[in-house]
Amino acid sequence: MMISKWTRESNNPIIPIKSKSWKEDVTATPDIIRVGEKYFLYYAGQSKGYEQIGVMTIDKGKFNGKTWNDYFGNPVLKVGNLGDFDSKYVTDPATVNVNGTIYLYHSGIGEGPDSIGLATSADGYNFKKYTFNPIFEGRAPEVVYRNGLFYLFYADENEAGGYQINLAISKDGYNFKKYRKNPMFRGSRDWDSCSVTTPRIFYESDGNYYMVYAADNEFKDLPRYFGLAVSKDLYSWKSYSDSPFFEVGKPGTWDDKAIWFGTVYKFGNAYFMWYEGCSTKGISQIGLAKTGKEVLLGKEDKNNYFGFS
């Protein structure tokens, strides 16, 4: 196995901001799920200080990683009312499809501390917020469904003033118990010692789970690197490499300041990674990188964990 060189898509950002729309200021935090014969790409858009979640889709047979159809009814998950925990931001979607129900976990920012909420849907477009939101404090969730359990990973503050990655577990997707050995993962090298955040997890045919995480040795929420960690059981994680496998773009490019939410999917013999990138001008947008013929791990995609059970 090897970590190969990732090549950025020449037309990045593939999901740019759009003037006079709900995403005129920011596009961010991609997450992908398969529903039937379609792929759904959930993402956040921002306008006038409010961040909400929309979706794009593509038929499985037309997938190329960069071409998506924006849903006419976006945003599909809107901010809450004044005084709610999500009155300003509904962002950072993390989805899983369990027995025909799509569970969409998200960060909520509004009144009170940053917290994680839940909305559910039968079709991927029409969502109902959980009555007893928020679930608990934290942000930047990622979810894996395995052997009848929901594993919810999320970012929480550490003693260094950055983020660490914690874990909570649930049998029903609504009521979670925090892992007693949290933090589940924290940085320990010269490039990730301050903050590790925005976990994204995929499963490989070698029987391992792999977690892409954003990291930095200096800034809490302006990570410049992507690292990779590996686990057999979703509880115990170790770094796959001592070095980051991806970092911010060259000076003057659209992603030269920070990167988040490295969302990996293997299609055929190539790996695709969608991610949020921010320029030094402060504009976040969504881009794509891929490995080409060289692969990150393994050769098969039949066991790929892609947000569905």
C-alpha atoms as a PDB file:
ATOM      1  CA  MET A   1       0.000   0.000   0.000  1.00  0.00           C
ATOM      2  CA  MET A   2       1.134   3.522  -0.647  1.00  0.00           C
ATOM      3  CA  ILE A   3       0.085   7.122  -0.465  1.00  0.00           C
ATOM      4  CA  SER A   4       0.313   8.420  -4.002  1.00  0.00           C
ATOM      5  CA  LYS A   5       0.426  11.907  -5.382  1.00  0.00           C
ATOM      6  CA  TRP A   6      -2.958  13.591  -5.638  1.00  0.00           C
ATOM      7  CA  THR A   7      -3.713  15.736  -8.675  1.00  0.00           C
ATOM      8  CA  ARG A   8      -6.090  18.659  -8.338  1.00  0.00           C
ATOM      9  CA  GLU A   9      -8.881  18.974 -10.898  1.00  0.00           C
ATOM     10  CA  SER A  10      -7.910  21.613 -13.468  1.00  0.00           C
ATOM     11  CA  ASN A  11     -11.323  23.312 -13.253  1.00  0.00           C
ATOM     12  CA  ASN A  12     -11.321  23.701  -9.470  1.00  0.00           C
ATOM     13  CA  PRO A  13     -13.321  24.735  -7.611  1.00  0.00           C
ATOM     14  CA  ILE A  14     -15.910  22.328  -9.033  1.00  0.00           C
ATOM     15  CA  ILE A  15     -18.633  23.750  -6.771  1.00  0.00           C
ATOM     16  CA  PRO A  16     -18.006  27.500  -6.766  1.00  0.00           C
ATOM     17  CA  ILE A  17     -19.951  30.242  -5.100  1.00  0.00           C
ATOM     18  CA  LYS A  18     -22.905  31.595  -7.105  1.00  0.00           C
ATOM     19  CA  SER A  19     -23.960  35.238  -7.057  1.00  0.00           C
ATOM     20  CA  LYS A  20     -27.448  36.188  -5.868  1.00  0.00           C
ATOM     21  CA  SER A  21     -28.125  32.759  -4.400  1.00  0.00           C
ATOM     22  CA  TRP A  22     -28.130  30.899  -1.074  1.00  0.00           C
ATOM     23  CA  LYS A  23     -24.431  30.104  -1.723  1.00  0.00           C
ATOM     24  CA  GLU A  24     -23.193  33.477  -2.926  1.00  0.00           C
ATOM     25  CA  ASP A  25     -20.471  33.787  -0.265  1.00  0.00           C
ATOM     26  CA  VAL A  26     -19.304  30.232   0.526  1.00  0.00           C
ATOM     27  CA  THR A  27     -19.574  26.596  -0.596  1.00  0.00           C
ATOM     28  CA  ALA A  28     -18.161  24.159   1.935  1.00  0.00           C
ATOM     29  CA  THR A  29     -18.107  20.874   3.883  1.00  0.00           C
ATOM     30  CA  PRO A  30     -18.872  18.216   1.212  1.00  0.00           C
ATOM     31  CA  ASP A  31     -20.265  14.778   2.067  1.00  0.00           C
ATOM     32  CA  ILE A  32     -21.324  12.030  -0.339  1.00  0.00           C
ATOM     33  CA  ILE A  33     -23.773   9.153  -0.105  1.00  0.00           C
ATOM     34  CA  ARG A  34     -25.286   6.662  -2.538  1.00  0.00           C
ATOM     35  CA  VAL A  35     -29.071   6.398  -2.653  1.00  0.00           C
ATOM     36  CA  GLY A  36     -30.259   3.750  -5.092  1.00  0.00           C
ATOM     37  CA  GLU A  37     -28.719   4.462  -8.484  1.00  0.00           C
ATOM     38  CA  LYS A  38     -27.740   8.040  -7.638  1.00  0.00           C
ATOM     39  CA  TYR A  39     -24.914   9.684  -5.754  1.00  0.00           C
ATOM     40  CA  PHE A  40     -25.903  12.582  -3.505  1.00  0.00           C
ATOM     41  CA  LEU A  41     -23.375  15.273  -2.614  1.00  0.00           C
ATOM     42  CA  TYR A  42     -24.453  17.307   0.402  1.00  0.00           C
ATOM     43  CA  TYR A  43     -22.701  20.581   1.089  1.00  0.00           C
ATOM     44  CA  ALA A  44     -23.083  23.903   2.860  1.00  0.00           C
ATOM     45  CA  GLY A  45     -23.686  27.275   1.257  1.00  0.00           C
ATOM     46  CA  GLN A  46     -23.575  30.700   2.859  1.00  0.00           C
ATOM     47  CA  SER A  47     -25.332  33.982   2.127  1.00  0.00           C
ATOM     48  CA  LYS A  48     -25.763  37.106   4.261  1.00  0.00           C
ATOM     49  CA  GLY A  49     -24.187  35.441   7.294  1.00  0.00           C
ATOM     50  CA  TYR A  50     -26.393  32.326   7.264  1.00  0.00           C
ATOM     51  CA  GLU A  51     -25.083  28.883   6.332  1.00  0.00           C
ATOM     52  CA  GLN A  52     -27.435  26.113   5.166  1.00  0.00           C
ATOM     53  CA  ILE A  53     -27.213  22.659   3.552  1.00  0.00           C
ATOM     54  CA  GLY A  54     -28.018  21.815  -0.060  1.00  0.00           C
ATOM     55  CA  VAL A  55     -27.569  18.788  -2.294  1.00  0.00           C
ATOM     56  CA  MET A  56     -26.346  17.880  -5.766  1.00  0.00           C
ATOM     57  CA  THR A  57     -26.909  14.536  -7.502  1.00  0.00           C
ATOM     58  CA  ILE A  58     -25.631  12.471 -10.403  1.00  0.00           C
ATOM     59  CA  ASP A  59     -26.772   9.156 -11.859  1.00  0.00           C
ATOM     60  CA  LYS A  60     -24.384   6.326 -11.042  1.00  0.00           C
ATOM     61  CA  GLY A  61     -23.746   5.658 -14.737  1.00  0.00           C
ATOM     62  CA  LYS A  62     -22.751   9.287 -15.366  1.00  0.00           C
ATOM     63  CA  PHE A  63     -20.377   9.675 -12.436  1.00  0.00           C
ATOM     64  CA  ASN A  64     -17.067  11.404 -13.171  1.00  0.00           C
ATOM     65  CA  GLY A  65     -16.530  13.115  -9.824  1.00  0.00           C
ATOM     66  CA  LYS A  66     -16.789  16.676 -11.072  1.00  0.00           C
ATOM     67  CA  THR A  67     -20.186  16.944 -12.783  1.00  0.00           C
ATOM     68  CA  TRP A  68     -23.203  17.340 -10.493  1.00  0.00           C
ATOM     69  CA  ASN A  69     -26.791  18.550 -10.856  1.00  0.00           C
ATOM     70  CA  ASP A  70     -27.854  21.119  -8.288  1.00  0.00           C
ATOM     71  CA  TYR A  71     -31.250  20.376  -6.714  1.00  0.00           C
ATOM     72  CA  PHE A  72     -33.818  23.047  -7.601  1.00  0.00           C
ATOM     73  CA  GLY A  73     -35.233  23.058  -4.063  1.00  0.00           C
ATOM     74  CA  ASN A  74     -31.986  23.946  -2.285  1.00  0.00           C
ATOM     75  CA  PRO A  75     -31.276  24.455   0.511  1.00  0.00           C
ATOM     76  CA  VAL A  76     -32.758  21.197   1.814  1.00  0.00           C
ATOM     77  CA  LEU A  77     -31.884  21.927   5.456  1.00  0.00           C
ATOM     78  CA  LYS A  78     -32.317  25.496   6.641  1.00  0.00           C
ATOM     79  CA  VAL A  79     -31.325  27.442   9.725  1.00  0.00           C
ATOM     80  CA  GLY A  80     -33.639  27.381  12.712  1.00  0.00           C
ATOM     81  CA  ASN A  81     -35.659  30.153  14.276  1.00  0.00           C
ATOM     82  CA  LEU A  82     -34.269  32.965  16.401  1.00  0.00           C
ATOM     83  CA  GLY A  83     -33.094  31.493  19.692  1.00  0.00           C
ATOM     84  CA  ASP A  84     -32.542  27.974  18.317  1.00  0.00           C
ATOM     85  CA  PHE A  85     -29.192  26.199  18.535  1.00  0.00           C
ATOM     86  CA  ASP A  86     -28.934  26.359  14.707  1.00  0.00           C
ATOM     87  CA  SER A  87     -30.322  29.851  14.064  1.00  0.00           C
ATOM     88  CA  LYS A  88     -27.200  31.024  12.192  1.00  0.00           C
ATOM     89  CA  TYR A  89     -25.446  27.981  10.753  1.00  0.00           C
ATOM     90  CA  VAL A  90     -26.636  24.533   9.674  1.00  0.00           C
ATOM     91  CA  THR A  91     -23.460  23.075   8.210  1.00  0.00           C
ATOM     92  CA  ASP A  92     -20.966  20.170   8.111  1.00  0.00           C
ATOM     93  CA  PRO A  93     -23.354  17.446   6.836  1.00  0.00           C
ATOM     94  CA  ALA A  94     -22.559  13.788   7.570  1.00  0.00           C
ATOM     95  CA  THR A  95     -24.955  11.207   6.146  1.00  0.00           C
ATOM     96  CA  VAL A  96     -25.679   7.501   6.391  1.00  0.00           C
ATOM     97  CA  ASN A  97     -28.449   5.418   4.800  1.00  0.00           C
ATOM     98  CA  VAL A  98     -29.844   2.791   7.197  1.00  0.00           C
ATOM     99  CA  ASN A  99     -32.835   0.662   6.199  1.00  0.00           C
ATOM    100  CA  GLY A 100     -34.129   3.289   3.787  1.00  0.00           C
ATOM    101  CA  THR A 101     -33.784   6.250   6.150  1.00  0.00           C
ATOM    102  CA  ILE A 102     -31.109   8.872   5.570  1.00  0.00           C
ATOM    103  CA  TYR A 103     -29.681  10.225   8.812  1.00  0.00           C
ATOM    104  CA  LEU A 104     -28.059  13.621   8.289  1.00  0.00           C
ATOM    105  CA  TYR A 105     -25.972  14.828  11.220  1.00  0.00           C
ATOM    106  CA  HIS A 106     -24.769  18.410  11.119  1.00  0.00           C
ATOM    107  CA  SER A 107     -23.181  21.220  13.072  1.00  0.00           C
ATOM    108  CA  GLY A 108     -25.511  23.856  14.456  1.00  0.00           C
ATOM    109  CA  ILE A 109     -24.393  27.353  15.417  1.00  0.00           C
ATOM    110  CA  GLY A 110     -26.750  29.843  16.993  1.00  0.00           C
ATOM    111  CA  GLU A 111     -27.754  30.313  20.603  1.00  0.00           C
ATOM    112  CA  GLY A 112     -25.546  28.471  23.091  1.00  0.00           C
ATOM    113  CA  PRO A 113     -22.459  26.356  22.365  1.00  0.00           C
ATOM    114  CA  ASP A 114     -21.729  24.806  18.969  1.00  0.00           C
ATOM    115  CA  SER A 115     -23.679  21.549  18.863  1.00  0.00           C
ATOM    116  CA  ILE A 116     -24.565  18.597  16.656  1.00  0.00           C
ATOM    117  CA  GLY A 117     -28.083  18.124  15.325  1.00  0.00           C
ATOM    118  CA  LEU A 118     -29.902  15.470  13.302  1.00  0.00           C
ATOM    119  CA  ALA A 119     -32.412  15.465  10.449  1.00  0.00           C
ATOM    120  CA  THR A 120     -33.871  12.422   8.667  1.00  0.00           C
ATOM    121  CA  SER A 121     -35.253  11.783   5.190  1.00  0.00           C
ATOM    122  CA  ALA A 122     -36.742   8.967   3.132  1.00  0.00           C
ATOM    123  CA  ASP A 123     -35.746  10.391  -0.259  1.00  0.00           C
ATOM    124  CA  GLY A 124     -32.615  12.487   0.326  1.00  0.00           C
ATOM    125  CA  TYR A 125     -34.374  15.773  -0.438  1.00  0.00           C
ATOM    126  CA  ASN A 126     -37.077  16.295   2.188  1.00  0.00           C
ATOM    127  CA  PHE A 127     -35.692  16.355   5.714  1.00  0.00           C
ATOM    128  CA  LYS A 128     -37.311  16.555   9.128  1.00  0.00           C
ATOM    129  CA  LYS A 129     -35.295  17.894  12.038  1.00  0.00           C
ATOM    130  CA  TYR A 130     -35.148  15.767  15.181  1.00  0.00           C
ATOM    131  CA  THR A 131     -37.545  17.163  17.794  1.00  0.00           C
ATOM    132  CA  PHE A 132     -35.009  16.919  20.607  1.00  0.00           C
ATOM    133  CA  ASN A 133     -32.073  18.587  18.841  1.00  0.00           C
ATOM    134  CA  PRO A 134     -29.280  19.202  19.599  1.00  0.00           C
ATOM    135  CA  ILE A 135     -27.864  15.754  20.349  1.00  0.00           C
ATOM    136  CA  PHE A 136     -24.797  17.046  22.202  1.00  0.00           C
ATOM    137  CA  GLU A 137     -22.087  19.714  22.036  1.00  0.00           C
ATOM    138  CA  GLY A 138     -19.429  19.489  19.332  1.00  0.00           C
ATOM    139  CA  ARG A 139     -19.102  20.068  15.614  1.00  0.00           C
ATOM    140  CA  ALA A 140     -17.860  18.621  12.290  1.00  0.00           C
ATOM    141  CA  PRO A 141     -19.554  15.203  12.614  1.00  0.00           C
ATOM    142  CA  GLU A 142     -18.839  12.040  10.640  1.00  0.00           C
ATOM    143  CA  VAL A 143     -20.999   8.909  10.915  1.00  0.00           C
ATOM    144  CA  VAL A 144     -20.414   5.204  10.253  1.00  0.00           C
ATOM    145  CA  TYR A 145     -23.051   2.476  10.639  1.00  0.00           C
ATOM    146  CA  ARG A 146     -21.532  -0.903  11.541  1.00  0.00           C
ATOM    147  CA  ASN A 147     -23.026  -4.071  13.032  1.00  0.00           C
ATOM    148  CA  GLY A 148     -26.194  -2.324  14.192  1.00  0.00           C
ATOM    149  CA  LEU A 149     -24.453   0.659  15.790  1.00  0.00           C
ATOM    150  CA  PHE A 150     -24.047   4.302  14.784  1.00  0.00           C
ATOM    151  CA  TYR A 151     -20.508   5.583  15.341  1.00  0.00           C
ATOM    152  CA  LEU A 152     -20.523   9.380  15.431  1.00  0.00           C
ATOM    153  CA  PHE A 153     -17.130  11.083  15.254  1.00  0.00           C
ATOM    154  CA  TYR A 154     -16.876  14.794  15.974  1.00  0.00           C
ATOM    155  CA  ALA A 155     -14.463  17.612  16.751  1.00  0.00           C
ATOM    156  CA  ASP A 156     -14.137  18.946  20.281  1.00  0.00           C
ATOM    157  CA  GLU A 157     -11.742  21.441  21.831  1.00  0.00           C
ATOM    158  CA  ASN A 158      -8.462  20.216  23.325  1.00  0.00           C
ATOM    159  CA  GLU A 159      -6.198  21.646  26.005  1.00  0.00           C
ATOM    160  CA  ALA A 160      -3.844  23.125  23.372  1.00  0.00           C
ATOM    161  CA  GLY A 161      -6.542  25.460  22.092  1.00  0.00           C
ATOM    162  CA  GLY A 162      -7.230  23.385  18.984  1.00  0.00           C
ATOM    163  CA  TYR A 163      -9.460  20.422  18.152  1.00  0.00           C
ATOM    164  CA  GLN A 164      -9.325  16.711  18.903  1.00  0.00           C
ATOM    165  CA  ILE A 165     -11.579  13.970  17.526  1.00  0.00           C
ATOM    166  CA  ASN A 166     -14.051  12.272  19.869  1.00  0.00           C
ATOM    167  CA  LEU A 167     -16.505   9.411  19.432  1.00  0.00           C
ATOM    168  CA  ALA A 168     -20.089   8.719  20.535  1.00  0.00           C
ATOM    169  CA  ILE A 169     -22.091   5.535  19.908  1.00  0.00           C
ATOM    170  CA  SER A 170     -25.809   4.828  19.486  1.00  0.00           C
ATOM    171  CA  LYS A 171     -28.104   1.884  18.813  1.00  0.00           C
ATOM    172  CA  ASP A 172     -30.921   3.962  17.316  1.00  0.00           C
ATOM    173  CA  GLY A 173     -29.160   6.976  15.769  1.00  0.00           C
ATOM    174  CA  TYR A 174     -30.810   9.407  18.181  1.00  0.00           C
ATOM    175  CA  ASN A 175     -29.508   8.649  21.669  1.00  0.00           C
ATOM    176  CA  PHE A 176     -25.730   8.638  21.909  1.00  0.00           C
ATOM    177  CA  LYS A 177     -23.286   7.676  24.622  1.00  0.00           C
ATOM    178  CA  LYS A 178     -19.836   9.250  24.504  1.00  0.00           C
ATOM    179  CA  TYR A 179     -16.882   6.859  24.310  1.00  0.00           C
ATOM    180  CA  ARG A 180     -15.300   6.520  27.741  1.00  0.00           C
ATOM    181  CA  LYS A 181     -11.744   6.727  26.365  1.00  0.00           C
ATOM    182  CA  ASN A 182     -12.160  10.027  24.501  1.00  0.00           C
ATOM    183  CA  PRO A 183     -10.296  11.710  22.934  1.00  0.00           C
ATOM    184  CA  MET A 184     -10.361   8.989  20.325  1.00  0.00           C
ATOM    185  CA  PHE A 185      -7.676  10.651  18.186  1.00  0.00           C
ATOM    186  CA  ARG A 186      -5.333  13.587  18.629  1.00  0.00           C
ATOM    187  CA  GLY A 187      -2.289  14.911  16.785  1.00  0.00           C
ATOM    188  CA  SER A 188       1.242  14.143  17.944  1.00  0.00           C
ATOM    189  CA  ARG A 189       3.558  15.239  15.137  1.00  0.00           C
ATOM    190  CA  ASP A 190       5.084  18.562  14.195  1.00  0.00           C
ATOM    191  CA  TRP A 191       2.363  19.276  11.588  1.00  0.00           C
ATOM    192  CA  ASP A 192      -0.787  18.214  13.526  1.00  0.00           C
ATOM    193  CA  SER A 193       0.101  18.982  17.149  1.00  0.00           C
ATOM    194  CA  CYS A 194      -2.369  21.846  17.618  1.00  0.00           C
ATOM    195  CA  SER A 195      -5.526  20.625  15.910  1.00  0.00           C
ATOM    196  CA  VAL A 196      -7.067  17.574  14.204  1.00  0.00           C
ATOM    197  CA  THR A 197     -10.589  18.014  12.872  1.00  0.00           C
ATOM    198  CA  THR A 198     -13.227  17.312  10.153  1.00  0.00           C
ATOM    199  CA  PRO A 199     -12.893  13.496  10.090  1.00  0.00           C
ATOM    200  CA  ARG A 200     -14.047  11.611   6.996  1.00  0.00           C
ATOM    201  CA  ILE A 201     -13.977   7.799   7.027  1.00  0.00           C
ATOM    202  CA  PHE A 202     -13.973   5.148   4.308  1.00  0.00           C
ATOM    203  CA  TYR A 203     -13.710   1.360   4.374  1.00  0.00           C
ATOM    204  CA  GLU A 204     -11.289  -0.762   2.345  1.00  0.00           C
ATOM    205  CA  SER A 205     -11.231  -4.340   1.110  1.00  0.00           C
ATOM    206  CA  ASP A 206      -8.217  -4.993   3.356  1.00  0.00           C
ATOM    207  CA  GLY A 207     -10.634  -4.916   6.308  1.00  0.00           C
ATOM    208  CA  ASN A 208      -9.542  -1.530   7.633  1.00  0.00           C
ATOM    209  CA  TYR A 209     -11.268   1.795   8.117  1.00  0.00           C
ATOM    210  CA  TYR A 210      -9.327   4.865   7.037  1.00  0.00           C
ATOM    211  CA  MET A 211      -9.870   8.354   8.384  1.00  0.00           C
ATOM    212  CA  VAL A 212      -8.884  11.484   6.508  1.00  0.00           C
ATOM    213  CA  TYR A 213      -8.531  14.394   8.915  1.00  0.00           C
ATOM    214  CA  ALA A 214      -7.584  18.048   8.590  1.00  0.00           C
ATOM    215  CA  ALA A 215      -4.723  19.172  10.808  1.00  0.00           C
ATOM    216  CA  ASP A 216      -2.406  21.984  11.768  1.00  0.00           C
ATOM    217  CA  ASN A 217       0.415  22.674  14.212  1.00  0.00           C
ATOM    218  CA  GLU A 218      -0.449  26.340  14.631  1.00  0.00           C
ATOM    219  CA  PHE A 219      -4.088  27.162  13.932  1.00  0.00           C
ATOM    220  CA  LYS A 220      -7.275  25.816  15.512  1.00  0.00           C
ATOM    221  CA  ASP A 221      -9.591  26.058  12.518  1.00  0.00           C
ATOM    222  CA  LEU A 222      -7.373  26.946   9.557  1.00  0.00           C
ATOM    223  CA  PRO A 223      -5.825  23.526   8.883  1.00  0.00           C
ATOM    224  CA  ARG A 224      -3.219  23.336   6.140  1.00  0.00           C
ATOM    225  CA  TYR A 225      -2.787  19.557   5.955  1.00  0.00           C
ATOM    226  CA  PHE A 226      -4.669  16.277   5.489  1.00  0.00           C
ATOM    227  CA  GLY A 227      -3.473  13.261   7.439  1.00  0.00           C
ATOM    228  CA  LEU A 228      -4.552   9.625   7.339  1.00  0.00           C
ATOM    229  CA  ALA A 229      -5.277   7.256  10.246  1.00  0.00           C
ATOM    230  CA  VAL A 230      -6.248   3.572  10.206  1.00  0.00           C
ATOM    231  CA  SER A 231      -8.419   1.355  12.434  1.00  0.00           C
ATOM    232  CA  LYS A 232      -9.793  -2.185  12.484  1.00  0.00           C
ATOM    233  CA  ASP A 233     -12.603  -1.540  14.972  1.00  0.00           C
ATOM    234  CA  LEU A 234     -13.414   2.223  14.797  1.00  0.00           C
ATOM    235  CA  TYR A 235     -12.226   2.665  18.393  1.00  0.00           C
ATOM    236  CA  SER A 236      -8.427   2.404  18.202  1.00  0.00           C
ATOM    237  CA  TRP A 237      -6.751   4.546  15.562  1.00  0.00           C
ATOM    238  CA  LYS A 238      -3.126   4.959  14.580  1.00  0.00           C
ATOM    239  CA  SER A 239      -1.487   7.266  12.073  1.00  0.00           C
ATOM    240  CA  TYR A 240      -0.941   5.687   8.679  1.00  0.00           C
ATOM    241  CA  SER A 241       2.036   7.914   7.907  1.00  0.00           C
ATOM    242  CA  ASP A 242       4.272  10.368   9.738  1.00  0.00           C
ATOM    243  CA  SER A 243       3.650  12.950   7.020  1.00  0.00           C
ATOM    244  CA  PRO A 244       0.522  14.609   5.625  1.00  0.00           C
ATOM    245  CA  PHE A 245      -0.598  13.260   2.253  1.00  0.00           C
ATOM    246  CA  PHE A 246      -2.169  16.515   1.017  1.00  0.00           C
ATOM    247  CA  GLU A 247      -1.796  20.202   1.821  1.00  0.00           C
ATOM    248  CA  VAL A 248      -2.961  23.662   0.828  1.00  0.00           C
ATOM    249  CA  GLY A 249      -2.400  24.891  -2.708  1.00  0.00           C
ATOM    250  CA  LYS A 250       0.348  27.099  -4.010  1.00  0.00           C
ATOM    251  CA  PRO A 251       0.243  30.826  -3.147  1.00  0.00           C
ATOM    252  CA  GLY A 252      -2.370  32.653  -5.177  1.00  0.00           C
ATOM    253  CA  THR A 253      -4.575  29.613  -5.793  1.00  0.00           C
ATOM    254  CA  TRP A 254      -8.162  29.121  -4.633  1.00  0.00           C
ATOM    255  CA  ASP A 255      -7.168  26.815  -1.714  1.00  0.00           C
ATOM    256  CA  ASP A 256      -3.903  28.368  -0.536  1.00  0.00           C
ATOM    257  CA  LYS A 257      -4.984  29.160   3.042  1.00  0.00           C
ATOM    258  CA  ALA A 258      -6.826  26.164   4.555  1.00  0.00           C
ATOM    259  CA  ILE A 259      -8.455  22.819   3.688  1.00  0.00           C
ATOM    260  CA  TRP A 260     -11.170  20.779   5.436  1.00  0.00           C
ATOM    261  CA  PHE A 261     -13.406  17.699   4.978  1.00  0.00           C
ATOM    262  CA  GLY A 262     -11.328  15.446   2.717  1.00  0.00           C
ATOM    263  CA  THR A 263     -14.070  13.092   1.485  1.00  0.00           C
ATOM    264  CA  VAL A 264     -12.596  10.054  -0.293  1.00  0.00           C
ATOM    265  CA  TYR A 265     -14.308   7.595  -2.635  1.00  0.00           C
ATOM    266  CA  LYS A 266     -12.767   4.891  -4.827  1.00  0.00           C
ATOM    267  CA  PHE A 267     -14.268   4.421  -8.266  1.00  0.00           C
ATOM    268  CA  GLY A 268     -12.612   1.769 -10.424  1.00  0.00           C
ATOM    269  CA  ASN A 269      -8.850   2.092  -9.989  1.00  0.00           C
ATOM    270  CA  ALA A 270      -8.812   5.733  -8.960  1.00  0.00           C
ATOM    271  CA  TYR A 271      -9.529   7.590  -5.742  1.00  0.00           C
ATOM    272  CA  PHE A 272     -11.501  10.822  -5.709  1.00  0.00           C
ATOM    273  CA  MET A 273     -11.348  13.351  -2.880  1.00  0.00           C
ATOM    274  CA  TRP A 274     -13.750  16.262  -2.549  1.00  0.00           C
ATOM    275  CA  TYR A 275     -12.748  18.924  -0.058  1.00  0.00           C
ATOM    276  CA  GLU A 276     -13.351  22.467   1.102  1.00  0.00           C
ATOM    277  CA  GLY A 277     -10.575  24.915   0.337  1.00  0.00           C
ATOM    278  CA  CYS A 278     -10.169  28.517   1.417  1.00  0.00           C
ATOM    279  CA  SER A 279      -8.106  31.222  -0.270  1.00  0.00           C
ATOM    280  CA  THR A 280      -6.168  33.993   1.432  1.00  0.00           C
ATOM    281  CA  LYS A 281      -9.063  36.223   0.357  1.00  0.00           C
ATOM    282  CA  GLY A 282     -11.219  34.278   2.832  1.00  0.00           C
ATOM    283  CA  ILE A 283     -13.504  32.577   0.278  1.00  0.00           C
ATOM    284  CA  SER A 284     -14.267  28.877   0.824  1.00  0.00           C
ATOM    285  CA  GLN A 285     -15.303  26.673  -2.119  1.00  0.00           C
ATOM    286  CA  ILE A 286     -15.362  22.948  -2.933  1.00  0.00           C
ATOM    287  CA  GLY A 287     -12.725  21.288  -5.083  1.00  0.00           C
ATOM    288  CA  LEU A 288     -11.706  17.828  -6.256  1.00  0.00           C
ATOM    289  CA  ALA A 289      -8.428  15.911  -6.303  1.00  0.00           C
ATOM    290  CA  LYS A 290      -7.736  12.384  -7.534  1.00  0.00           C
ATOM    291  CA  THR A 291      -4.956   9.854  -7.852  1.00  0.00           C
ATOM    292  CA  GLY A 292      -5.342   8.838 -11.478  1.00  0.00           C
ATOM    293  CA  LYS A 293      -4.087   5.311 -12.138  1.00  0.00           C
ATOM    294  CA  GLU A 294      -2.077   5.155  -8.939  1.00  0.00           C
ATOM    295  CA  VAL A 295      -4.307   4.353  -6.001  1.00  0.00           C
ATOM    296  CA  LEU A 296      -4.171   5.301  -2.369  1.00  0.00           C
ATOM    297  CA  LEU A 297      -5.021   1.877  -0.976  1.00  0.00           C
ATOM    298  CA  GLY A 298      -6.001  -1.441  -2.504  1.00  0.00           C
ATOM    299  CA  LYS A 299      -7.503  -2.173  -5.911  1.00  0.00           C
ATOM    300  CA  GLU A 300     -11.193  -2.890  -5.448  1.00  0.00           C
ATOM    301  CA  ASP A 301     -14.144  -0.640  -4.725  1.00  0.00           C
ATOM    302  CA  LYS A 302     -16.798  -3.273  -4.011  1.00  0.00           C
ATOM    303  CA  ASN A 303     -16.365  -2.919  -0.234  1.00  0.00           C
ATOM    304  CA  ASN A 304     -16.006   0.838  -0.235  1.00  0.00           C
ATOM    305  CA  TYR A 305     -17.744   2.509   2.710  1.00  0.00           C
ATOM    306  CA  PHE A 306     -19.633   5.380   1.150  1.00  0.00           C
ATOM    307  CA  GLY A 307     -22.219   6.432   3.695  1.00  0.00           C
ATOM    308  CA  PHE A 308     -24.594   3.522   3.144  1.00  0.00           C
ATOM    309  CA  SER A 309     -25.273   0.302   4.992  1.00  0.00           C
END
